[in-house]
Full PDB file with SEQRES, HELIX, SHEET, SSBOND, CRYST1, ORIGX, SCALE, CONECT and MASTER records, all heavy atoms in Angstrom:
SEQRES   1 A   41  CYS ALA LYS SER ALA ILE HIS ALA ASP GLU LEU ILE GLN          
SEQRES   2 A   41  GLU SER LEU LEU LEU LEU SER SER GLY HIS CYS PHE ARG          
SEQRES   3 A   41  ASP GLN VAL LEU LYS VAL CYS PRO ALA LEU ASN ARG THR          
SEQRES   4 A   41  ALA ALA                                                      
HELIX    1 AA1 ALA A    8  GLN A   13  5                                   6    
HELIX    2 AA2 CYS A   24  VAL A   32  1                                   9    
HELIX    3 AA3 LEU A   36  ALA A   40  1                                   5    
CRYST1    1.000    1.000    1.000  90.00  90.00  90.00 P 1           1          
ORIGX1      1.000000  0.000000  0.000000        0.00000                         
ORIGX2      0.000000  1.000000  0.000000        0.00000                         
ORIGX3      0.000000  0.000000  1.000000        0.00000                         
SCALE1      1.000000  0.000000  0.000000        0.00000                         
SCALE2      0.000000  1.000000  0.000000        0.00000                         
SCALE3      0.000000  0.000000  1.000000        0.00000                         
ATOM      1  N   CYS A   1      -2.311  -6.460  14.932  1.00  0.00           N  
ATOM      2  CA  CYS A   1      -2.545  -5.649  16.135  1.00  0.00           C  
ATOM      3  C   CYS A   1      -1.499  -5.990  17.280  1.00  0.00           C  
ATOM      4  O   CYS A   1      -1.318  -5.254  18.183  1.00  0.00           O  
ATOM      5  CB  CYS A   1      -3.947  -5.830  16.690  1.00  0.00           C  
ATOM      6  SG  CYS A   1      -5.202  -5.239  15.540  1.00  0.00           S  
ATOM      7  N   ALA A   2      -0.886  -7.108  17.172  1.00  0.00           N  
ATOM      8  CA  ALA A   2       0.113  -7.528  18.139  1.00  0.00           C  
ATOM      9  C   ALA A   2       1.454  -6.907  17.888  1.00  0.00           C  
ATOM     10  O   ALA A   2       2.355  -6.883  18.797  1.00  0.00           O  
ATOM     11  CB  ALA A   2       0.302  -9.084  18.201  1.00  0.00           C  
ATOM     12  N   LYS A   3       1.588  -6.208  16.782  1.00  0.00           N  
ATOM     13  CA  LYS A   3       2.891  -5.534  16.371  1.00  0.00           C  
ATOM     14  C   LYS A   3       2.849  -4.129  16.980  1.00  0.00           C  
ATOM     15  O   LYS A   3       1.756  -3.429  17.038  1.00  0.00           O  
ATOM     16  CB  LYS A   3       3.051  -5.526  14.855  1.00  0.00           C  
ATOM     17  CG  LYS A   3       3.289  -6.910  14.188  1.00  0.00           C  
ATOM     18  CD  LYS A   3       3.238  -6.686  12.656  1.00  0.00           C  
ATOM     19  CE  LYS A   3       3.548  -7.873  11.969  1.00  0.00           C  
ATOM     20  NZ  LYS A   3       5.027  -8.275  12.012  1.00  0.00           N  
ATOM     21  N   SER A   4       4.015  -3.593  17.243  1.00  0.00           N  
ATOM     22  CA  SER A   4       4.153  -2.236  17.688  1.00  0.00           C  
ATOM     23  C   SER A   4       4.281  -1.338  16.535  1.00  0.00           C  
ATOM     24  O   SER A   4       4.023  -0.128  16.548  1.00  0.00           O  
ATOM     25  CB  SER A   4       5.356  -2.075  18.612  1.00  0.00           C  
ATOM     26  OG  SER A   4       6.486  -2.465  17.994  1.00  0.00           O  
ATOM     27  N   ALA A   5       4.735  -1.774  15.344  1.00  0.00           N  
ATOM     28  CA  ALA A   5       4.998  -1.100  14.143  1.00  0.00           C  
ATOM     29  C   ALA A   5       4.930  -2.068  12.940  1.00  0.00           C  
ATOM     30  O   ALA A   5       5.148  -3.232  13.123  1.00  0.00           O  
ATOM     31  CB  ALA A   5       6.263  -0.259  14.164  1.00  0.00           C  
ATOM     32  N   ILE A   6       4.583  -1.498  11.779  1.00  0.00           N  
ATOM     33  CA  ILE A   6       4.331  -2.220  10.589  1.00  0.00           C  
ATOM     34  C   ILE A   6       5.511  -1.825   9.587  1.00  0.00           C  
ATOM     35  O   ILE A   6       5.771  -0.665   9.322  1.00  0.00           O  
ATOM     36  CB  ILE A   6       3.100  -2.055   9.925  1.00  0.00           C  
ATOM     37  CG1 ILE A   6       1.881  -2.254  10.814  1.00  0.00           C  
ATOM     38  CG2 ILE A   6       2.871  -3.039   8.671  1.00  0.00           C  
ATOM     39  CD1 ILE A   6       1.893  -3.601  11.437  1.00  0.00           C  
ATOM     40  N   HIS A   7       6.139  -2.751   8.983  1.00  0.00           N  
ATOM     41  CA  HIS A   7       7.091  -2.445   7.971  1.00  0.00           C  
ATOM     42  C   HIS A   7       6.398  -2.266   6.605  1.00  0.00           C  
ATOM     43  O   HIS A   7       5.533  -3.064   6.277  1.00  0.00           O  
ATOM     44  CB  HIS A   7       8.173  -3.559   7.850  1.00  0.00           C  
ATOM     45  CG  HIS A   7       9.470  -3.161   6.999  1.00  0.00           C  
ATOM     46  ND1 HIS A   7       9.478  -3.111   5.627  1.00  0.00           N  
ATOM     47  CD2 HIS A   7      10.675  -2.711   7.388  1.00  0.00           C  
ATOM     48  CE1 HIS A   7      10.608  -2.784   5.246  1.00  0.00           C  
ATOM     49  NE2 HIS A   7      11.359  -2.411   6.223  1.00  0.00           N  
ATOM     50  N   ALA A   8       6.849  -1.395   5.747  1.00  0.00           N  
ATOM     51  CA  ALA A   8       6.146  -0.964   4.545  1.00  0.00           C  
ATOM     52  C   ALA A   8       6.056  -2.211   3.610  1.00  0.00           C  
ATOM     53  O   ALA A   8       5.076  -2.454   2.938  1.00  0.00           O  
ATOM     54  CB  ALA A   8       6.857   0.124   3.825  1.00  0.00           C  
ATOM     55  N   ASP A   9       7.095  -2.999   3.563  1.00  0.00           N  
ATOM     56  CA  ASP A   9       7.139  -4.216   2.671  1.00  0.00           C  
ATOM     57  C   ASP A   9       6.074  -5.184   3.005  1.00  0.00           C  
ATOM     58  O   ASP A   9       5.701  -6.020   2.193  1.00  0.00           O  
ATOM     59  CB  ASP A   9       8.523  -4.828   2.636  1.00  0.00           C  
ATOM     60  CG  ASP A   9       9.512  -3.940   1.965  1.00  0.00           C  
ATOM     61  OD1 ASP A   9       9.146  -3.028   1.245  1.00  0.00           O  
ATOM     62  OD2 ASP A   9      10.777  -4.176   2.162  1.00  0.00           O  
ATOM     63  N   GLU A  10       5.577  -5.261   4.199  1.00  0.00           N  
ATOM     64  CA  GLU A  10       4.594  -6.160   4.674  1.00  0.00           C  
ATOM     65  C   GLU A  10       3.197  -5.821   4.106  1.00  0.00           C  
ATOM     66  O   GLU A  10       2.340  -6.753   4.029  1.00  0.00           O  
ATOM     67  CB  GLU A  10       4.465  -6.145   6.162  1.00  0.00           C  
ATOM     68  CG  GLU A  10       5.709  -6.596   6.921  1.00  0.00           C  
ATOM     69  CD  GLU A  10       5.488  -6.590   8.409  1.00  0.00           C  
ATOM     70  OE1 GLU A  10       5.672  -5.532   9.007  1.00  0.00           O  
ATOM     71  OE2 GLU A  10       5.098  -7.703   9.023  1.00  0.00           O  
ATOM     72  N   LEU A  11       2.969  -4.682   3.544  1.00  0.00           N  
ATOM     73  CA  LEU A  11       1.637  -4.371   3.014  1.00  0.00           C  
ATOM     74  C   LEU A  11       1.267  -5.254   1.883  1.00  0.00           C  
ATOM     75  O   LEU A  11      -0.004  -5.521   1.670  1.00  0.00           O  
ATOM     76  CB  LEU A  11       1.697  -2.883   2.503  1.00  0.00           C  
ATOM     77  CG  LEU A  11       1.950  -1.790   3.542  1.00  0.00           C  
ATOM     78  CD1 LEU A  11       1.923  -0.482   2.848  1.00  0.00           C  
ATOM     79  CD2 LEU A  11       0.863  -1.869   4.687  1.00  0.00           C  
ATOM     80  N   ILE A  12       2.245  -5.845   1.105  1.00  0.00           N  
ATOM     81  CA  ILE A  12       1.914  -6.646   0.013  1.00  0.00           C  
ATOM     82  C   ILE A  12       1.186  -7.971   0.363  1.00  0.00           C  
ATOM     83  O   ILE A  12       0.478  -8.593  -0.395  1.00  0.00           O  
ATOM     84  CB  ILE A  12       3.223  -6.964  -0.795  1.00  0.00           C  
ATOM     85  CG1 ILE A  12       2.886  -7.608  -2.125  1.00  0.00           C  
ATOM     86  CG2 ILE A  12       4.111  -7.873  -0.049  1.00  0.00           C  
ATOM     87  CD1 ILE A  12       2.139  -6.642  -3.009  1.00  0.00           C  
ATOM     88  N   GLN A  13       1.230  -8.257   1.680  1.00  0.00           N  
ATOM     89  CA  GLN A  13       0.718  -9.560   2.230  1.00  0.00           C  
ATOM     90  C   GLN A  13      -0.826  -9.442   2.457  1.00  0.00           C  
ATOM     91  O   GLN A  13      -1.551 -10.432   2.600  1.00  0.00           O  
ATOM     92  CB  GLN A  13       1.320  -9.914   3.586  1.00  0.00           C  
ATOM     93  CG  GLN A  13       2.887 -10.060   3.495  1.00  0.00           C  
ATOM     94  CD  GLN A  13       3.455 -10.278   4.827  1.00  0.00           C  
ATOM     95  OE1 GLN A  13       2.642 -10.558   5.794  1.00  0.00           O  
ATOM     96  NE2 GLN A  13       4.727 -10.104   4.950  1.00  0.00           N  
ATOM     97  N   GLU A  14      -1.339  -8.271   2.423  1.00  0.00           N  
ATOM     98  CA  GLU A  14      -2.775  -8.009   2.810  1.00  0.00           C  
ATOM     99  C   GLU A  14      -3.564  -7.388   1.701  1.00  0.00           C  
ATOM    100  O   GLU A  14      -3.083  -6.926   0.683  1.00  0.00           O  
ATOM    101  CB  GLU A  14      -2.801  -7.136   3.989  1.00  0.00           C  
ATOM    102  CG  GLU A  14      -2.223  -7.666   5.250  1.00  0.00           C  
ATOM    103  CD  GLU A  14      -3.024  -8.844   5.774  1.00  0.00           C  
ATOM    104  OE1 GLU A  14      -4.199  -8.762   5.817  1.00  0.00           O  
ATOM    105  OE2 GLU A  14      -2.321  -9.890   6.363  1.00  0.00           O  
ATOM    106  N   SER A  15      -4.913  -7.474   1.825  1.00  0.00           N  
ATOM    107  CA  SER A  15      -5.778  -6.841   0.833  1.00  0.00           C  
ATOM    108  C   SER A  15      -5.745  -5.341   1.280  1.00  0.00           C  
ATOM    109  O   SER A  15      -6.394  -4.940   2.276  1.00  0.00           O  
ATOM    110  CB  SER A  15      -7.190  -7.329   0.927  1.00  0.00           C  
ATOM    111  OG  SER A  15      -7.174  -8.607   0.390  1.00  0.00           O  
ATOM    112  N   LEU A  16      -5.077  -4.449   0.497  1.00  0.00           N  
ATOM    113  CA  LEU A  16      -4.914  -2.995   0.812  1.00  0.00           C  
ATOM    114  C   LEU A  16      -5.984  -2.222   0.060  1.00  0.00           C  
ATOM    115  O   LEU A  16      -6.041  -2.213  -1.188  1.00  0.00           O  
ATOM    116  CB  LEU A  16      -3.521  -2.577   0.420  1.00  0.00           C  
ATOM    117  CG  LEU A  16      -3.269  -1.174   0.839  1.00  0.00           C  
ATOM    118  CD1 LEU A  16      -3.033  -0.999   2.294  1.00  0.00           C  
ATOM    119  CD2 LEU A  16      -1.944  -0.682   0.168  1.00  0.00           C  
ATOM    120  N   LEU A  17      -6.782  -1.509   0.790  1.00  0.00           N  
ATOM    121  CA  LEU A  17      -7.833  -0.725   0.200  1.00  0.00           C  
ATOM    122  C   LEU A  17      -7.278   0.614  -0.211  1.00  0.00           C  
ATOM    123  O   LEU A  17      -6.661   1.322   0.658  1.00  0.00           O  
ATOM    124  CB  LEU A  17      -9.058  -0.603   1.149  1.00  0.00           C  
ATOM    125  CG  LEU A  17      -9.507  -1.884   1.813  1.00  0.00           C  
ATOM    126  CD1 LEU A  17     -10.797  -1.585   2.615  1.00  0.00           C  
ATOM    127  CD2 LEU A  17      -9.730  -2.923   0.841  1.00  0.00           C  
ATOM    128  N   LEU A  18      -7.454   1.009  -1.485  1.00  0.00           N  
ATOM    129  CA  LEU A  18      -6.780   2.249  -1.994  1.00  0.00           C  
ATOM    130  C   LEU A  18      -7.834   3.295  -2.451  1.00  0.00           C  
ATOM    131  O   LEU A  18      -8.979   2.916  -2.844  1.00  0.00           O  
ATOM    132  CB  LEU A  18      -5.825   1.967  -3.085  1.00  0.00           C  
ATOM    133  CG  LEU A  18      -4.639   1.088  -2.805  1.00  0.00           C  
ATOM    134  CD1 LEU A  18      -3.930   0.740  -4.114  1.00  0.00           C  
ATOM    135  CD2 LEU A  18      -3.659   1.874  -1.947  1.00  0.00           C  
ATOM    136  N   LEU A  19      -7.446   4.519  -2.424  1.00  0.00           N  
ATOM    137  CA  LEU A  19      -8.253   5.547  -3.060  1.00  0.00           C  
ATOM    138  C   LEU A  19      -8.256   5.387  -4.553  1.00  0.00           C  
ATOM    139  O   LEU A  19      -7.330   4.669  -5.133  1.00  0.00           O  
ATOM    140  CB  LEU A  19      -7.752   6.939  -2.689  1.00  0.00           C  
ATOM    141  CG  LEU A  19      -7.966   7.425  -1.268  1.00  0.00           C  
ATOM    142  CD1 LEU A  19      -7.230   8.670  -0.997  1.00  0.00           C  
ATOM    143  CD2 LEU A  19      -9.430   7.647  -0.992  1.00  0.00           C  
ATOM    144  N   SER A  20      -9.096   5.973  -5.294  1.00  0.00           N  
ATOM    145  CA  SER A  20      -9.168   5.869  -6.815  1.00  0.00           C  
ATOM    146  C   SER A  20      -8.093   6.688  -7.421  1.00  0.00           C  
ATOM    147  O   SER A  20      -7.512   7.570  -6.761  1.00  0.00           O  
ATOM    148  CB  SER A  20     -10.573   6.399  -7.239  1.00  0.00           C  
ATOM    149  OG  SER A  20     -10.805   7.754  -6.873  1.00  0.00           O  
ATOM    150  N   SER A  21      -7.817   6.445  -8.605  1.00  0.00           N  
ATOM    151  CA  SER A  21      -6.797   7.173  -9.415  1.00  0.00           C  
ATOM    152  C   SER A  21      -7.215   8.682  -9.450  1.00  0.00           C  
ATOM    153  O   SER A  21      -8.453   9.031  -9.493  1.00  0.00           O  
ATOM    154  CB  SER A  21      -6.822   6.702 -10.914  1.00  0.00           C  
ATOM    155  OG  SER A  21      -6.344   5.273 -10.882  1.00  0.00           O  
ATOM    156  N   GLY A  22      -6.184   9.551  -9.362  1.00  0.00           N  
ATOM    157  CA  GLY A  22      -6.432  10.936  -9.286  1.00  0.00           C  
ATOM    158  C   GLY A  22      -6.099  11.562  -7.931  1.00  0.00           C  
ATOM    159  O   GLY A  22      -5.860  12.696  -7.881  1.00  0.00           O  
ATOM    160  N   HIS A  23      -6.131  10.741  -6.930  1.00  0.00           N  
ATOM    161  CA  HIS A  23      -5.811  11.145  -5.596  1.00  0.00           C  
ATOM    162  C   HIS A  23      -4.299  10.959  -5.424  1.00  0.00           C  
ATOM    163  O   HIS A  23      -3.790   9.893  -5.613  1.00  0.00           O  
ATOM    164  CB  HIS A  23      -6.523  10.308  -4.495  1.00  0.00           C  
ATOM    165  CG  HIS A  23      -7.923  10.530  -4.346  1.00  0.00           C  
ATOM    166  ND1 HIS A  23      -8.459  11.612  -3.568  1.00  0.00           N  
ATOM    167  CD2 HIS A  23      -9.039   9.913  -4.872  1.00  0.00           C  
ATOM    168  CE1 HIS A  23      -9.779  11.531  -3.571  1.00  0.00           C  
ATOM    169  NE2 HIS A  23     -10.125  10.519  -4.338  1.00  0.00           N  
ATOM    170  N   CYS A  24      -3.528  12.068  -5.113  1.00  0.00           N  
ATOM    171  CA  CYS A  24      -2.174  11.980  -4.934  1.00  0.00           C  
ATOM    172  C   CYS A  24      -1.841  11.145  -3.724  1.00  0.00           C  
ATOM    173  O   CYS A  24      -0.712  10.493  -3.822  1.00  0.00           O  
ATOM    174  CB  CYS A  24      -1.530  13.401  -4.771  1.00  0.00           C  
ATOM    175  SG  CYS A  24      -2.072  14.303  -3.327  1.00  0.00           S  
ATOM    176  N   PHE A  25      -2.646  10.891  -2.756  1.00  0.00           N  
ATOM    177  CA  PHE A  25      -2.390  10.078  -1.687  1.00  0.00           C  
ATOM    178  C   PHE A  25      -2.336   8.663  -2.046  1.00  0.00           C  
ATOM    179  O   PHE A  25      -1.461   7.865  -1.559  1.00  0.00           O  
ATOM    180  CB  PHE A  25      -3.459  10.282  -0.558  1.00  0.00           C  
ATOM    181  CG  PHE A  25      -3.048   9.547   0.710  1.00  0.00           C  
ATOM    182  CD1 PHE A  25      -1.952   9.939   1.538  1.00  0.00           C  
ATOM    183  CD2 PHE A  25      -3.697   8.367   1.106  1.00  0.00           C  
ATOM    184  CE1 PHE A  25      -1.700   9.241   2.682  1.00  0.00           C  
ATOM    185  CE2 PHE A  25      -3.468   7.709   2.304  1.00  0.00           C  
ATOM    186  CZ  PHE A  25      -2.354   8.098   3.005  1.00  0.00           C  
ATOM    187  N   ARG A  26      -3.037   8.219  -3.017  1.00  0.00           N  
ATOM    188  CA  ARG A  26      -2.980   6.877  -3.603  1.00  0.00           C  
ATOM    189  C   ARG A  26      -1.625   6.635  -4.097  1.00  0.00           C  
ATOM    190  O   ARG A  26      -0.970   5.586  -3.912  1.00  0.00           O  
ATOM    191  CB  ARG A  26      -4.041   6.662  -4.639  1.00  0.00           C  
ATOM    192  CG  ARG A  26      -3.890   5.357  -5.462  1.00  0.00           C  
ATOM    193  CD  ARG A  26      -4.762   5.334  -6.747  1.00  0.00           C  
ATOM    194  NE  ARG A  26      -4.383   4.298  -7.549  1.00  0.00           N  
ATOM    195  CZ  ARG A  26      -5.129   3.052  -7.569  1.00  0.00           C  
ATOM    196  NH1 ARG A  26      -6.135   2.986  -6.773  1.00  0.00           N  
ATOM    197  NH2 ARG A  26      -4.772   2.148  -8.402  1.00  0.00           N  
ATOM    198  N   ASP A  27      -1.057   7.614  -4.944  1.00  0.00           N  
ATOM    199  CA  ASP A  27       0.286   7.445  -5.522  1.00  0.00           C  
ATOM    200  C   ASP A  27       1.263   7.394  -4.388  1.00  0.00           C  
ATOM    201  O   ASP A  27       2.316   6.686  -4.605  1.00  0.00           O  
ATOM    202  CB  ASP A  27       0.500   8.615  -6.516  1.00  0.00           C  
ATOM    203  CG  ASP A  27      -0.498   8.688  -7.580  1.00  0.00           C  
ATOM    204  OD1 ASP A  27      -1.007   7.715  -7.981  1.00  0.00           O  
ATOM    205  OD2 ASP A  27      -0.728   9.827  -8.026  1.00  0.00           O  
ATOM    206  N   GLN A  28       1.141   8.170  -3.276  1.00  0.00           N  
ATOM    207  CA  GLN A  28       2.077   8.164  -2.227  1.00  0.00           C  
ATOM    208  C   GLN A  28       2.045   6.781  -1.491  1.00  0.00           C  
ATOM    209  O   GLN A  28       3.163   6.337  -1.138  1.00  0.00           O  
ATOM    210  CB  GLN A  28       1.834   9.287  -1.260  1.00  0.00           C  
ATOM    211  CG  GLN A  28       1.989  10.644  -1.885  1.00  0.00           C  
ATOM    212  CD  GLN A  28       1.424  11.709  -1.111  1.00  0.00           C  
ATOM    213  OE1 GLN A  28       0.513  11.559  -0.248  1.00  0.00           O  
ATOM    214  NE2 GLN A  28       1.705  13.041  -1.392  1.00  0.00           N  
ATOM    215  N   VAL A  29       0.977   6.232  -1.457  1.00  0.00           N  
ATOM    216  CA  VAL A  29       0.874   4.847  -0.758  1.00  0.00           C  
ATOM    217  C   VAL A  29       1.483   3.798  -1.600  1.00  0.00           C  
ATOM    218  O   VAL A  29       2.301   2.962  -1.141  1.00  0.00           O  
ATOM    219  CB  VAL A  29      -0.663   4.526  -0.477  1.00  0.00           C  
ATOM    220  CG1 VAL A  29      -0.656   3.046   0.042  1.00  0.00           C  
ATOM    221  CG2 VAL A  29      -1.262   5.410   0.533  1.00  0.00           C  
ATOM    222  N   LEU A  30       1.230   3.899  -2.893  1.00  0.00           N  
ATOM    223  CA  LEU A  30       1.941   2.853  -3.915  1.00  0.00           C  
ATOM    224  C   LEU A  30       3.418   3.088  -3.910  1.00  0.00           C  
ATOM    225  O   LEU A  30       4.130   2.154  -4.046  1.00  0.00           O  
ATOM    226  CB  LEU A  30       1.322   3.120  -5.249  1.00  0.00           C  
ATOM    227  CG  LEU A  30      -0.144   2.615  -5.406  1.00  0.00           C  
ATOM    228  CD1 LEU A  30      -0.692   2.933  -6.792  1.00  0.00           C  
ATOM    229  CD2 LEU A  30      -0.326   1.119  -5.091  1.00  0.00           C  
ATOM    230  N   LYS A  31       3.927   4.290  -3.610  1.00  0.00           N  
ATOM    231  CA  LYS A  31       5.312   4.530  -3.564  1.00  0.00           C  
ATOM    232  C   LYS A  31       5.973   3.960  -2.347  1.00  0.00           C  
ATOM    233  O   LYS A  31       7.106   3.524  -2.278  1.00  0.00           O  
ATOM    234  CB  LYS A  31       5.583   6.077  -3.628  1.00  0.00           C  
ATOM    235  CG  LYS A  31       7.045   6.392  -3.846  1.00  0.00           C  
ATOM    236  CD  LYS A  31       7.247   7.949  -3.914  1.00  0.00           C  
ATOM    237  CE  LYS A  31       8.700   8.346  -4.097  1.00  0.00           C  
ATOM    238  NZ  LYS A  31       8.850   9.767  -4.219  1.00  0.00           N  
ATOM    239  N   VAL A  32       5.211   3.860  -1.217  1.00  0.00           N  
ATOM    240  CA  VAL A  32       5.648   3.236  -0.068  1.00  0.00           C  
ATOM    241  C   VAL A  32       6.102   1.821  -0.220  1.00  0.00           C  
ATOM    242  O   VAL A  32       7.131   1.336   0.303  1.00  0.00           O  
ATOM    243  CB  VAL A  32       4.579   3.353   1.078  1.00  0.00           C  
ATOM    244  CG1 VAL A  32       5.044   2.439   2.255  1.00  0.00           C  
ATOM    245  CG2 VAL A  32       4.334   4.821   1.490  1.00  0.00           C  
ATOM    246  N   CYS A  33       5.246   1.097  -1.050  1.00  0.00           N  
ATOM    247  CA  CYS A  33       5.472  -0.347  -1.269  1.00  0.00           C  
ATOM    248  C   CYS A  33       5.331  -0.516  -2.801  1.00  0.00           C  
ATOM    249  O   CYS A  33       4.193  -0.749  -3.260  1.00  0.00           O  
ATOM    250  CB  CYS A  33       4.588  -1.192  -0.503  1.00  0.00           C  
ATOM    251  SG  CYS A  33       4.907  -3.007  -0.686  1.00  0.00           S  
ATOM    252  N   PRO A  34       6.481  -0.358  -3.582  1.00  0.00           N  
ATOM    253  CA  PRO A  34       6.323  -0.393  -5.067  1.00  0.00           C  
ATOM    254  C   PRO A  34       5.707  -1.705  -5.585  1.00  0.00           C  
ATOM    255  O   PRO A  34       5.026  -1.684  -6.590  1.00  0.00           O  
ATOM    256  CB  PRO A  34       7.793  -0.307  -5.446  1.00  0.00           C  
ATOM    257  CG  PRO A  34       8.457   0.451  -4.388  1.00  0.00           C  
ATOM    258  CD  PRO A  34       7.795  -0.120  -3.204  1.00  0.00           C  
ATOM    259  N   ALA A  35       5.799  -2.840  -4.859  1.00  0.00           N  
ATOM    260  CA  ALA A  35       5.155  -4.058  -5.265  1.00  0.00           C  
ATOM    261  C   ALA A  35       3.685  -3.946  -5.388  1.00  0.00           C  
ATOM    262  O   ALA A  35       3.040  -4.871  -6.090  1.00  0.00           O  
ATOM    263  CB  ALA A  35       5.667  -5.157  -4.378  1.00  0.00           C  
ATOM    264  N   LEU A  36       3.120  -3.068  -4.662  1.00  0.00           N  
ATOM    265  CA  LEU A  36       1.600  -2.924  -4.648  1.00  0.00           C  
ATOM    266  C   LEU A  36       1.113  -2.432  -5.923  1.00  0.00           C  
ATOM    267  O   LEU A  36      -0.049  -2.663  -6.340  1.00  0.00           O  
ATOM    268  CB  LEU A  36       1.241  -1.869  -3.684  1.00  0.00           C  
ATOM    269  CG  LEU A  36       1.321  -2.339  -2.147  1.00  0.00           C  
ATOM    270  CD1 LEU A  36       1.147  -1.216  -1.219  1.00  0.00           C  
ATOM    271  CD2 LEU A  36       0.302  -3.356  -1.837  1.00  0.00           C  
ATOM    272  N   ASN A  37       2.037  -1.767  -6.793  1.00  0.00           N  
ATOM    273  CA  ASN A  37       1.552  -1.378  -8.160  1.00  0.00           C  
ATOM    274  C   ASN A  37       1.026  -2.446  -9.050  1.00  0.00           C  
ATOM    275  O   ASN A  37       0.163  -2.331  -9.742  1.00  0.00           O  
ATOM    276  CB  ASN A  37       2.732  -0.559  -8.861  1.00  0.00           C  
ATOM    277  CG  ASN A  37       2.991   0.819  -8.308  1.00  0.00           C  
ATOM    278  OD1 ASN A  37       2.246   1.696  -8.566  1.00  0.00           O  
ATOM    279  ND2 ASN A  37       3.927   0.899  -7.538  1.00  0.00           N  
ATOM    280  N   ARG A  38       1.698  -3.657  -8.850  1.00  0.00           N  
ATOM    281  CA  ARG A  38       1.213  -4.761  -9.632  1.00  0.00           C  
ATOM    282  C   ARG A  38      -0.089  -5.285  -9.204  1.00  0.00           C  
ATOM    283  O   ARG A  38      -1.016  -5.615 -10.018  1.00  0.00           O  
ATOM    284  CB  ARG A  38       2.332  -5.877  -9.525  1.00  0.00           C  
ATOM    285  CG  ARG A  38       3.581  -5.525 -10.227  1.00  0.00           C  
ATOM    286  CD  ARG A  38       4.550  -6.759 -10.343  1.00  0.00           C  
ATOM    287  NE  ARG A  38       4.918  -7.269  -8.976  1.00  0.00           N  
ATOM    288  CZ  ARG A  38       5.978  -6.797  -8.298  1.00  0.00           C  
ATOM    289  NH1 ARG A  38       6.708  -5.825  -8.724  1.00  0.00           N  
ATOM    290  NH2 ARG A  38       6.212  -7.422  -7.130  1.00  0.00           N  
ATOM    291  N   THR A  39      -0.284  -5.532  -7.817  1.00  0.00           N  
ATOM    292  CA  THR A  39      -1.571  -5.993  -7.368  1.00  0.00           C  
ATOM    293  C   THR A  39      -2.741  -5.011  -7.501  1.00  0.00           C  
ATOM    294  O   THR A  39      -3.859  -5.416  -7.770  1.00  0.00           O  
ATOM    295  CB  THR A  39      -1.489  -6.402  -5.859  1.00  0.00           C  
ATOM    296  OG1 THR A  39      -1.026  -5.189  -5.087  1.00  0.00           O  
ATOM    297  CG2 THR A  39      -0.381  -7.540  -5.709  1.00  0.00           C  
ATOM    298  N   ALA A  40      -2.379  -3.688  -7.523  1.00  0.00           N  
ATOM    299  CA  ALA A  40      -3.396  -2.719  -7.605  1.00  0.00           C  
ATOM    300  C   ALA A  40      -4.030  -2.661  -9.051  1.00  0.00           C  
ATOM    301  O   ALA A  40      -5.130  -2.342  -9.243  1.00  0.00           O  
ATOM    302  CB  ALA A  40      -2.882  -1.287  -7.276  1.00  0.00           C  
ATOM    303  N   ALA A  41      -3.177  -3.082  -9.960  1.00  0.00           N  
ATOM    304  CA  ALA A  41      -3.585  -3.157 -11.376  1.00  0.00           C  
ATOM    305  C   ALA A  41      -4.139  -4.489 -11.847  1.00  0.00           C  
ATOM    306  O   ALA A  41      -4.675  -4.623 -12.870  1.00  0.00           O  
ATOM    307  CB  ALA A  41      -2.482  -2.676 -12.335  1.00  0.00           C  
TER     308      ALA A  41                                                      
MASTER        0    0    0    3    0    0    0    6  307    1    0    4          
END                                                                             
C-alpha cells in the first residue's frame, strides 16, 4: 500500500488468488507474470 505502482514480476512474491480454469481473465493474469504458471499448478 506504500507503493504508488506494482511491477508485474512482484506478483510471484505473494499468494495470488485466481479465477478457475475456463476464465480467459485467469489466462491473461498468468500471462502478466509467467512465473505464476508454476505456482498456480
